[in-house]
Amino acid sequence: MASKVPRNLGIVLDGNRRYARKLGLKPWLGHELGVKKLEKLFGWCGELGIKELTLYSFSTENFNRAKREIDFLFGLFKKKFDEIKKGKDFMDKGIKVNAIGRLDMFPPNMRKVMLEVMEKTKNNKKLTVNFALAYGGRQEIIDAVRNIARDVEKGRIKPESINEGLIAKNLYLQNEPDLVIRSGGEIRTSNFLMWQSAYSEWVFIKKLWPEFTKHDLMMCIGEFNKRKRRFGK
């Protein structure tokens, strides 16, 4: 086992559609297989002592996909959040759920159940899971700047008081990942946690997300342990 486990982990969940094609399925059905893998991931994180997990689940750009795929995904998201809301599993495991992003882009019934799940799980302490939905790193920074601009306009703060801490405070997500993993073989960050991952360690793996195993997670953590984090020093 790796000597040091990251407390805060981010994952870009890439490769669901390609995995479905490998199996001869309709591409969007791969998302269902990807969700099943998440259920295993939560268990692995609990075993390893990872405290926070941020999952790139649906980007702002993903709204440009075919309507049939988007409808399937929305149904999948709502089904999962409904299960969490009605079930005991997340409460028993101490999992706190957050949804971060431009949630007003989703239908009202989806937003409602997301908020209900966040309220239900808000006091859980073992693992925090942030679902990045209707999320984009640039959009997150834009929304933070807009919030700050409103405060400047209302005289609550002075422009010269704007600093990194103030911007970070206005982001959807304040905590920064120690390690970010991207599955699927692509070597780019794709607008994920642009501010927060400035000094994160990134590991890119070829496996498609539904193929990801606990062994792959341990390999990524092992790679994380080999690196010396200097934070620009």
Protein backbone atom coordinates (compact mmCIF):
# COMPACT_ATOMS: atom_id res chain seq x y z
CA MET A 1 0.00 0.00 0.00
CA ALA A 2 1.17 3.55 -0.72
CA SER A 3 2.70 5.29 2.27
CA LYS A 4 0.60 8.44 1.93
CA VAL A 5 -3.00 8.63 0.77
CA PRO A 6 -4.26 11.96 -0.63
CA ARG A 7 -6.97 13.47 1.55
CA ASN A 8 -8.59 15.20 -1.40
CA LEU A 9 -9.00 13.45 -4.76
CA GLY A 10 -10.44 14.66 -8.07
CA ILE A 11 -11.38 12.38 -10.96
CA VAL A 12 -12.27 13.17 -14.57
CA LEU A 13 -14.69 10.34 -15.42
CA ASP A 14 -13.79 9.85 -19.07
CA GLY A 15 -14.44 6.95 -21.44
CA ASN A 16 -17.99 5.81 -20.70
CA ARG A 17 -19.19 6.08 -24.30
CA ARG A 18 -16.09 4.43 -25.76
CA TYR A 19 -16.48 1.55 -23.32
CA ALA A 20 -20.09 1.01 -24.41
CA ARG A 21 -18.98 0.93 -28.05
CA LYS A 22 -16.38 -1.73 -27.17
CA LEU A 23 -19.23 -3.86 -25.84
CA GLY A 24 -21.40 -3.21 -28.89
CA LEU A 25 -23.88 -1.10 -26.89
CA LYS A 26 -25.43 2.28 -27.63
CA PRO A 27 -22.84 4.89 -26.55
CA TRP A 28 -24.99 6.55 -23.88
CA LEU A 29 -25.50 3.24 -22.07
CA GLY A 30 -21.87 3.47 -20.99
CA HIS A 31 -22.86 6.16 -18.51
CA GLU A 32 -24.93 3.61 -16.60
CA LEU A 33 -21.87 1.36 -16.32
CA GLY A 34 -19.84 4.36 -15.18
CA VAL A 35 -22.30 5.07 -12.36
CA LYS A 36 -22.02 1.46 -11.16
CA LYS A 37 -18.25 1.91 -10.95
CA LEU A 38 -18.77 4.99 -8.77
CA GLU A 39 -20.54 2.87 -6.18
CA LYS A 40 -17.36 0.78 -5.86
CA LEU A 41 -15.18 3.90 -5.81
CA PHE A 42 -16.97 5.29 -2.75
CA GLY A 43 -16.18 2.09 -0.90
CA TRP A 44 -12.51 2.19 -1.89
CA CYS A 45 -12.19 5.81 -0.77
CA GLY A 46 -13.76 4.93 2.58
CA GLU A 47 -11.33 2.04 3.06
CA LEU A 48 -8.29 4.17 2.19
CA GLY A 49 -9.26 7.17 4.30
CA ILE A 50 -9.75 9.64 1.45
CA LYS A 51 -11.82 12.47 2.89
CA GLU A 52 -13.01 14.39 -0.17
CA LEU A 53 -13.77 13.29 -3.72
CA THR A 54 -14.68 15.62 -6.60
CA LEU A 55 -16.08 13.96 -9.72
CA TYR A 56 -16.26 15.65 -13.12
CA SER A 57 -19.68 14.26 -13.99
CA PHE A 58 -21.25 16.63 -16.55
CA SER A 59 -19.66 19.75 -18.01
CA THR A 60 -21.31 22.89 -19.33
CA GLU A 61 -20.08 21.82 -22.78
CA ASN A 62 -21.86 18.46 -22.44
CA PHE A 63 -25.17 20.28 -22.95
CA ASN A 64 -24.21 20.38 -26.64
CA ARG A 65 -24.50 16.60 -26.97
CA ALA A 66 -27.40 14.85 -28.70
CA LYS A 67 -30.76 15.32 -26.98
CA ARG A 68 -31.26 11.56 -26.62
CA GLU A 69 -28.00 11.21 -24.68
CA ILE A 70 -28.71 14.25 -22.51
CA ASP A 71 -32.19 12.97 -21.66
CA PHE A 72 -30.70 9.59 -20.73
CA LEU A 73 -28.08 11.26 -18.53
CA PHE A 74 -30.60 13.50 -16.80
CA GLY A 75 -32.74 10.48 -16.05
CA LEU A 76 -29.69 8.66 -14.69
CA PHE A 77 -28.70 11.60 -12.48
CA LYS A 78 -32.21 11.99 -11.10
CA LYS A 79 -32.51 8.25 -10.44
CA LYS A 80 -29.23 8.22 -8.52
CA PHE A 81 -30.09 11.27 -6.43
CA ASP A 82 -33.55 9.82 -5.72
CA GLU A 83 -31.90 6.60 -4.51
CA ILE A 84 -29.61 8.54 -2.20
CA LYS A 85 -32.52 10.61 -0.90
CA LYS A 86 -34.75 7.62 -0.16
CA GLY A 87 -32.10 5.14 0.91
CA LYS A 88 -29.91 4.70 3.99
CA ASP A 89 -26.65 3.69 2.32
CA PHE A 90 -25.02 7.13 2.20
CA MET A 91 -26.13 7.91 5.74
CA ASP A 92 -24.82 4.59 7.05
CA LYS A 93 -21.48 5.16 5.31
CA GLY A 94 -21.22 8.78 6.45
CA ILE A 95 -21.08 10.22 2.91
CA LYS A 96 -21.86 13.91 2.45
CA VAL A 97 -23.04 14.89 -1.05
CA ASN A 98 -22.56 18.22 -2.79
CA ALA A 99 -23.55 19.22 -6.31
CA ILE A 100 -21.39 22.03 -7.69
CA GLY A 101 -21.78 23.98 -10.93
CA ARG A 102 -24.44 26.02 -12.69
CA LEU A 103 -27.26 23.90 -11.32
CA ASP A 104 -29.91 26.28 -12.68
CA MET A 105 -29.16 24.79 -16.11
CA PHE A 106 -30.91 21.59 -15.01
CA PRO A 107 -34.71 21.06 -14.93
CA PRO A 108 -36.41 22.13 -11.66
CA ASN A 109 -37.21 18.55 -10.58
CA MET A 110 -33.51 17.64 -10.82
CA ARG A 111 -32.37 20.70 -8.89
CA LYS A 112 -34.95 19.97 -6.21
CA VAL A 113 -33.73 16.43 -5.51
CA MET A 114 -30.09 17.57 -5.59
CA LEU A 115 -30.80 20.17 -2.92
CA GLU A 116 -32.77 17.64 -0.87
CA VAL A 117 -29.86 15.18 -0.94
CA MET A 118 -27.39 17.90 0.06
CA GLU A 119 -29.60 18.86 2.99
CA LYS A 120 -30.08 15.24 4.06
CA THR A 121 -26.35 14.39 4.04
CA LYS A 122 -24.87 17.74 5.16
CA ASN A 123 -23.76 16.51 8.60
CA ASN A 124 -22.03 13.33 7.37
CA LYS A 125 -18.30 13.38 8.07
CA LYS A 126 -16.52 10.30 6.70
CA LEU A 127 -16.38 11.19 3.00
CA THR A 128 -17.49 14.27 1.06
CA VAL A 129 -18.45 13.61 -2.57
CA ASN A 130 -18.72 16.65 -4.84
CA PHE A 131 -20.55 15.95 -8.10
CA ALA A 132 -19.42 18.57 -10.63
CA LEU A 133 -22.57 19.00 -12.72
CA ALA A 134 -23.14 21.70 -15.34
CA TYR A 135 -19.59 22.50 -14.33
CA GLY A 136 -16.76 24.32 -16.07
CA GLY A 137 -13.60 25.68 -14.49
CA ARG A 138 -13.67 28.91 -16.49
CA GLN A 139 -17.36 29.35 -15.78
CA GLU A 140 -16.68 28.84 -12.07
CA ILE A 141 -14.12 31.66 -12.09
CA ILE A 142 -16.48 33.90 -14.09
CA ASP A 143 -19.26 33.33 -11.54
CA ALA A 144 -16.84 34.08 -8.68
CA VAL A 145 -15.75 37.33 -10.34
CA ARG A 146 -19.39 38.32 -10.88
CA ASN A 147 -20.14 37.77 -7.18
CA ILE A 148 -17.17 39.91 -6.20
CA ALA A 149 -18.13 42.61 -8.73
CA ARG A 150 -21.60 42.83 -7.17
CA ASP A 151 -20.03 43.30 -3.73
CA VAL A 152 -17.76 46.04 -5.11
CA GLU A 153 -20.77 47.73 -6.78
CA LYS A 154 -22.67 47.70 -3.47
CA GLY A 155 -19.69 49.08 -1.57
CA ARG A 156 -19.17 45.96 0.54
CA ILE A 157 -15.56 45.57 -0.55
CA LYS A 158 -12.91 47.75 -2.22
CA PRO A 159 -11.27 46.65 -5.49
CA GLU A 160 -7.83 46.72 -3.87
CA SER A 161 -8.97 44.14 -1.32
CA ILE A 162 -9.47 41.50 -4.04
CA ASN A 163 -6.90 38.74 -3.61
CA GLU A 164 -6.52 34.98 -4.08
CA GLY A 165 -8.30 34.26 -0.81
CA LEU A 166 -11.35 36.29 -1.76
CA ILE A 167 -11.61 34.68 -5.19
CA ALA A 168 -11.23 31.19 -3.67
CA LYS A 169 -13.97 31.98 -1.15
CA ASN A 170 -16.37 32.74 -4.01
CA LEU A 171 -15.74 29.54 -5.98
CA TYR A 172 -18.17 26.61 -5.99
CA LEU A 173 -15.47 24.53 -4.30
CA GLN A 174 -13.01 25.94 -1.77
CA ASN A 175 -10.85 22.87 -1.10
CA GLU A 176 -8.01 21.90 -3.42
CA PRO A 177 -7.34 18.33 -4.61
CA ASP A 178 -3.98 16.77 -3.80
CA LEU A 179 -4.33 14.39 -6.74
CA VAL A 180 -6.43 14.48 -9.91
CA ILE A 181 -6.88 11.32 -12.00
CA ARG A 182 -8.13 11.35 -15.57
CA SER A 183 -9.21 8.08 -17.14
CA GLY A 184 -9.73 7.45 -20.85
CA GLY A 185 -6.26 8.07 -22.28
CA GLU A 186 -6.66 11.79 -23.01
CA ILE A 187 -3.90 14.04 -21.66
CA ARG A 188 -5.62 17.34 -20.94
CA THR A 189 -7.43 18.93 -18.00
CA SER A 190 -10.61 19.82 -19.94
CA ASN A 191 -11.68 22.82 -17.86
CA PHE A 192 -11.80 20.89 -14.56
CA LEU A 193 -10.95 22.68 -11.29
CA MET A 194 -8.74 25.18 -13.10
CA TRP A 195 -8.17 27.30 -10.00
CA GLN A 196 -8.13 24.57 -7.39
CA SER A 197 -5.80 22.19 -9.25
CA ALA A 198 -3.06 24.75 -9.89
CA TYR A 199 -0.66 22.73 -7.72
CA SER A 200 -2.39 19.35 -7.77
CA GLU A 201 -0.60 16.27 -9.03
CA TRP A 202 -2.23 14.90 -12.19
CA VAL A 203 -2.15 11.27 -13.30
CA PHE A 204 -3.48 10.25 -16.72
CA ILE A 205 -4.38 6.62 -17.36
CA LYS A 206 -5.42 4.84 -20.54
CA LYS A 207 -8.20 2.74 -19.02
CA LEU A 208 -11.75 3.86 -19.71
CA TRP A 209 -13.69 4.85 -16.61
CA PRO A 210 -15.93 1.72 -16.37
CA GLU A 211 -12.75 -0.40 -16.52
CA PHE A 212 -11.16 1.40 -13.55
CA THR A 213 -10.26 -0.86 -10.60
CA LYS A 214 -9.07 -0.50 -7.03
CA HIS A 215 -5.65 -1.62 -8.29
CA ASP A 216 -5.66 1.34 -10.72
CA LEU A 217 -6.51 3.68 -7.85
CA MET A 218 -3.63 2.27 -5.80
CA MET A 219 -1.27 2.65 -8.76
CA CYS A 220 -2.26 6.32 -9.10
CA ILE A 221 -1.72 6.87 -5.38
CA GLY A 222 1.66 5.15 -5.70
CA GLU A 223 2.60 7.57 -8.49
CA PHE A 224 1.43 10.44 -6.27
CA ASN A 225 3.80 9.23 -3.56
CA LYS A 226 6.78 9.27 -5.93
CA ARG A 227 6.40 12.98 -6.60
CA LYS A 228 7.75 15.85 -4.54
CA ARG A 229 5.21 18.63 -4.21
CA ARG A 230 7.04 21.97 -4.27
CA PHE A 231 4.11 24.38 -4.74
CA GLY A 232 6.32 26.60 -6.87
CA LYS A 233 9.06 26.84 -4.23
